[in-house]
Amino acid sequence: MAMAAALAGLLLAATPACVIRGRGEVTYYVDEDPPQPRREVVEMRPGYIWIQGYWFRDGKRWVWIDGHFVGERADADWVPGVWVRSGGRWRWNPGRWAARQRRKEERHERREERKEKREERREERKEHRGKGHHD
């Protein structure tokens, strides 16, 4: 089994590009530096956001994927995709929707409130047992 894992690692290292899929996301690795992003000039449209274009490695050549508009989401912000240097290779991190900070803070506050209530109930049970009562 260790030999198979080592062989797979060598094959990946020798491959100019590879795609790894998991949980609905695609991670894309290449050995060659991606070209600089193209400059896209767009007029903003009310109710929409611009998803910028990006370079994609198609076999031995780079292909530009044009940007496009998508409808805004009230509960999330768009985080653009980006090429990141990783372990001597380039990794494509695709764009994604991320919950707005206010919503994250609200969820955190609700979690903290639930945690506090659980602690209060534990303390009440301890006090109740300490008075000689048994459930």
C-alpha atoms as a PDB file:
ATOM      1  CA  MET A   1       0.000   0.000   0.000  1.00  0.00           C
ATOM      2  CA  ALA A   2       2.856   2.391   0.814  1.00  0.00           C
ATOM      3  CA  MET A   3       4.342   1.674  -2.612  1.00  0.00           C
ATOM      4  CA  ALA A   4       1.045   2.590  -4.311  1.00  0.00           C
ATOM      5  CA  ALA A   5       0.858   5.867  -2.358  1.00  0.00           C
ATOM      6  CA  ALA A   6       4.464   6.702  -3.260  1.00  0.00           C
ATOM      7  CA  LEU A   7       3.808   5.933  -6.932  1.00  0.00           C
ATOM      8  CA  ALA A   8       0.676   8.115  -6.915  1.00  0.00           C
ATOM      9  CA  GLY A   9       2.689  10.952  -5.365  1.00  0.00           C
ATOM     10  CA  LEU A  10       5.347  10.655  -8.072  1.00  0.00           C
ATOM     11  CA  LEU A  11       2.720  10.686 -10.801  1.00  0.00           C
ATOM     12  CA  LEU A  12       1.119  13.818  -9.355  1.00  0.00           C
ATOM     13  CA  ALA A  13       4.481  15.535  -9.073  1.00  0.00           C
ATOM     14  CA  ALA A  14       5.275  14.731 -12.721  1.00  0.00           C
ATOM     15  CA  THR A  15       1.878  15.885 -13.972  1.00  0.00           C
ATOM     16  CA  PRO A  16       1.776  19.468 -15.287  1.00  0.00           C
ATOM     17  CA  ALA A  17      -1.768  19.901 -13.990  1.00  0.00           C
ATOM     18  CA  CYS A  18      -4.148  17.871 -11.892  1.00  0.00           C
ATOM     19  CA  VAL A  19      -7.656  18.244 -10.546  1.00  0.00           C
ATOM     20  CA  ILE A  20      -8.743  17.046  -7.119  1.00  0.00           C
ATOM     21  CA  ARG A  21     -12.445  16.953  -6.316  1.00  0.00           C
ATOM     22  CA  GLY A  22     -14.080  16.788  -2.919  1.00  0.00           C
ATOM     23  CA  ARG A  23     -17.217  18.108  -1.189  1.00  0.00           C
ATOM     24  CA  GLY A  24     -18.427  19.749  -4.408  1.00  0.00           C
ATOM     25  CA  GLU A  25     -15.320  21.917  -4.755  1.00  0.00           C
ATOM     26  CA  VAL A  26     -12.559  21.582  -7.319  1.00  0.00           C
ATOM     27  CA  THR A  27      -8.928  22.121  -6.396  1.00  0.00           C
ATOM     28  CA  TYR A  28      -6.738  22.577  -9.440  1.00  0.00           C
ATOM     29  CA  TYR A  29      -2.913  22.391  -9.386  1.00  0.00           C
ATOM     30  CA  VAL A  30      -0.426  23.433 -12.099  1.00  0.00           C
ATOM     31  CA  ASP A  31       3.357  23.688 -12.244  1.00  0.00           C
ATOM     32  CA  GLU A  32       3.572  26.698 -14.562  1.00  0.00           C
ATOM     33  CA  ASP A  33       2.950  30.250 -13.342  1.00  0.00           C
ATOM     34  CA  PRO A  34      -0.502  31.463 -14.411  1.00  0.00           C
ATOM     35  CA  PRO A  35      -0.568  34.575 -16.634  1.00  0.00           C
ATOM     36  CA  GLN A  36      -1.533  37.911 -15.102  1.00  0.00           C
ATOM     37  CA  PRO A  37      -5.336  38.370 -14.984  1.00  0.00           C
ATOM     38  CA  ARG A  38      -6.821  40.326 -17.868  1.00  0.00           C
ATOM     39  CA  ARG A  39      -8.223  43.750 -17.098  1.00  0.00           C
ATOM     40  CA  GLU A  40     -11.999  43.649 -17.431  1.00  0.00           C
ATOM     41  CA  VAL A  41     -13.850  46.943 -17.579  1.00  0.00           C
ATOM     42  CA  VAL A  42     -17.541  46.633 -16.754  1.00  0.00           C
ATOM     43  CA  GLU A  43     -20.392  48.926 -15.779  1.00  0.00           C
ATOM     44  CA  MET A  44     -21.970  47.831 -12.545  1.00  0.00           C
ATOM     45  CA  ARG A  45     -25.607  46.769 -12.736  1.00  0.00           C
ATOM     46  CA  PRO A  46     -28.000  47.274  -9.809  1.00  0.00           C
ATOM     47  CA  GLY A  47     -28.861  43.955  -8.159  1.00  0.00           C
ATOM     48  CA  TYR A  48     -25.868  42.129  -9.680  1.00  0.00           C
ATOM     49  CA  ILE A  49     -22.207  41.576  -8.909  1.00  0.00           C
ATOM     50  CA  TRP A  50     -19.379  40.979 -11.353  1.00  0.00           C
ATOM     51  CA  ILE A  51     -17.557  37.646 -11.055  1.00  0.00           C
ATOM     52  CA  GLN A  52     -14.159  38.412 -12.557  1.00  0.00           C
ATOM     53  CA  GLY A  53     -12.634  36.198 -15.225  1.00  0.00           C
ATOM     54  CA  TYR A  54      -9.669  33.904 -14.585  1.00  0.00           C
ATOM     55  CA  TRP A  55      -7.047  31.789 -16.299  1.00  0.00           C
ATOM     56  CA  PHE A  56      -7.633  28.032 -16.618  1.00  0.00           C
ATOM     57  CA  ARG A  57      -5.012  25.486 -17.679  1.00  0.00           C
ATOM     58  CA  ASP A  58      -6.372  23.356 -20.540  1.00  0.00           C
ATOM     59  CA  GLY A  59      -3.767  20.705 -21.245  1.00  0.00           C
ATOM     60  CA  LYS A  60      -0.638  22.565 -22.337  1.00  0.00           C
ATOM     61  CA  ARG A  61      -2.157  26.008 -22.801  1.00  0.00           C
ATOM     62  CA  TRP A  62      -3.781  28.703 -20.693  1.00  0.00           C
ATOM     63  CA  VAL A  63      -7.373  29.649 -21.546  1.00  0.00           C
ATOM     64  CA  TRP A  64      -9.101  32.812 -20.304  1.00  0.00           C
ATOM     65  CA  ILE A  65     -12.563  32.273 -18.795  1.00  0.00           C
ATOM     66  CA  ASP A  66     -14.544  35.507 -19.182  1.00  0.00           C
ATOM     67  CA  GLY A  67     -16.131  37.166 -16.188  1.00  0.00           C
ATOM     68  CA  HIS A  68     -19.913  37.416 -15.851  1.00  0.00           C
ATOM     69  CA  PHE A  69     -22.686  38.976 -13.791  1.00  0.00           C
ATOM     70  CA  VAL A  70     -24.655  37.070 -11.147  1.00  0.00           C
ATOM     71  CA  GLY A  71     -27.505  38.202  -8.935  1.00  0.00           C
ATOM     72  CA  GLU A  72     -26.570  39.636  -5.553  1.00  0.00           C
ATOM     73  CA  ARG A  73     -27.292  37.606  -2.448  1.00  0.00           C
ATOM     74  CA  ALA A  74     -28.610  39.391   0.613  1.00  0.00           C
ATOM     75  CA  ASP A  75     -27.019  36.877   2.983  1.00  0.00           C
ATOM     76  CA  ALA A  76     -23.565  36.490   1.407  1.00  0.00           C
ATOM     77  CA  ASP A  77     -20.634  38.220  -0.235  1.00  0.00           C
ATOM     78  CA  TRP A  78     -18.684  36.877  -3.215  1.00  0.00           C
ATOM     79  CA  VAL A  79     -15.070  35.930  -2.472  1.00  0.00           C
ATOM     80  CA  PRO A  80     -13.173  35.897  -5.801  1.00  0.00           C
ATOM     81  CA  GLY A  81     -11.156  32.899  -6.956  1.00  0.00           C
ATOM     82  CA  VAL A  82      -7.384  33.211  -6.763  1.00  0.00           C
ATOM     83  CA  TRP A  83      -4.222  31.352  -7.809  1.00  0.00           C
ATOM     84  CA  VAL A  84      -2.013  30.613  -4.765  1.00  0.00           C
ATOM     85  CA  ARG A  85       1.580  29.329  -4.706  1.00  0.00           C
ATOM     86  CA  SER A  86       1.550  26.070  -2.718  1.00  0.00           C
ATOM     87  CA  GLY A  87       4.399  23.603  -2.281  1.00  0.00           C
ATOM     88  CA  GLY A  88       6.241  24.626  -5.445  1.00  0.00           C
ATOM     89  CA  ARG A  89       3.047  24.485  -7.522  1.00  0.00           C
ATOM     90  CA  TRP A  90       0.106  26.805  -8.161  1.00  0.00           C
ATOM     91  CA  ARG A  91      -3.295  25.956  -6.672  1.00  0.00           C
ATOM     92  CA  TRP A  92      -6.553  27.454  -7.944  1.00  0.00           C
ATOM     93  CA  ASN A  93      -8.917  28.388  -5.114  1.00  0.00           C
ATOM     94  CA  PRO A  94     -12.285  28.858  -6.817  1.00  0.00           C
ATOM     95  CA  GLY A  95     -14.542  31.774  -5.938  1.00  0.00           C
ATOM     96  CA  ARG A  96     -17.309  31.155  -3.413  1.00  0.00           C
ATOM     97  CA  TRP A  97     -20.130  32.763  -1.511  1.00  0.00           C
ATOM     98  CA  ALA A  98     -19.320  33.578   2.127  1.00  0.00           C
ATOM     99  CA  ALA A  99     -21.821  34.482   4.816  1.00  0.00           C
ATOM    100  CA  ARG A 100     -21.886  38.180   5.568  1.00  0.00           C
ATOM    101  CA  GLN A 101     -19.945  39.159   8.675  1.00  0.00           C
ATOM    102  CA  ARG A 102     -23.059  40.428  10.466  1.00  0.00           C
ATOM    103  CA  ARG A 103     -24.714  37.036  10.039  1.00  0.00           C
ATOM    104  CA  LYS A 104     -21.591  35.282  11.302  1.00  0.00           C
ATOM    105  CA  GLU A 105     -21.610  37.507  14.365  1.00  0.00           C
ATOM    106  CA  GLU A 106     -25.304  36.817  14.979  1.00  0.00           C
ATOM    107  CA  ARG A 107     -24.722  33.063  14.740  1.00  0.00           C
ATOM    108  CA  HIS A 108     -21.782  33.366  17.130  1.00  0.00           C
ATOM    109  CA  GLU A 109     -23.924  35.331  19.618  1.00  0.00           C
ATOM    110  CA  ARG A 110     -26.695  32.707  19.448  1.00  0.00           C
ATOM    111  CA  ARG A 111     -24.146  29.934  20.059  1.00  0.00           C
ATOM    112  CA  GLU A 112     -22.743  31.811  23.049  1.00  0.00           C
ATOM    113  CA  GLU A 113     -26.254  32.340  24.457  1.00  0.00           C
ATOM    114  CA  ARG A 114     -27.038  28.615  24.106  1.00  0.00           C
ATOM    115  CA  LYS A 115     -23.722  27.770  25.768  1.00  0.00           C
ATOM    116  CA  GLU A 116     -24.497  30.101  28.690  1.00  0.00           C
ATOM    117  CA  LYS A 117     -27.979  28.587  29.130  1.00  0.00           C
ATOM    118  CA  ARG A 118     -26.510  25.062  29.179  1.00  0.00           C
ATOM    119  CA  GLU A 119     -24.031  26.147  31.847  1.00  0.00           C
ATOM    120  CA  GLU A 120     -26.836  27.717  33.898  1.00  0.00           C
ATOM    121  CA  ARG A 121     -28.882  24.492  33.686  1.00  0.00           C
ATOM    122  CA  ARG A 122     -25.862  22.444  34.797  1.00  0.00           C
ATOM    123  CA  GLU A 123     -25.320  24.743  37.764  1.00  0.00           C
ATOM    124  CA  GLU A 124     -29.017  24.519  38.686  1.00  0.00           C
ATOM    125  CA  ARG A 125     -28.866  20.713  38.560  1.00  0.00           C
ATOM    126  CA  LYS A 126     -25.748  20.709  40.756  1.00  0.00           C
ATOM    127  CA  GLU A 127     -27.452  22.994  43.284  1.00  0.00           C
ATOM    128  CA  HIS A 128     -30.593  20.885  43.173  1.00  0.00           C
ATOM    129  CA  ARG A 129     -28.586  17.689  43.856  1.00  0.00           C
ATOM    130  CA  GLY A 130     -26.562  19.424  46.554  1.00  0.00           C
ATOM    131  CA  LYS A 131     -29.759  20.108  48.556  1.00  0.00           C
ATOM    132  CA  GLY A 132     -30.414  16.406  48.940  1.00  0.00           C
ATOM    133  CA  HIS A 133     -32.884  16.104  46.054  1.00  0.00           C
ATOM    134  CA  HIS A 134     -32.474  13.265  43.601  1.00  0.00           C
ATOM    135  CA  ASP A 135     -33.865  13.219  40.071  1.00  0.00           C
END
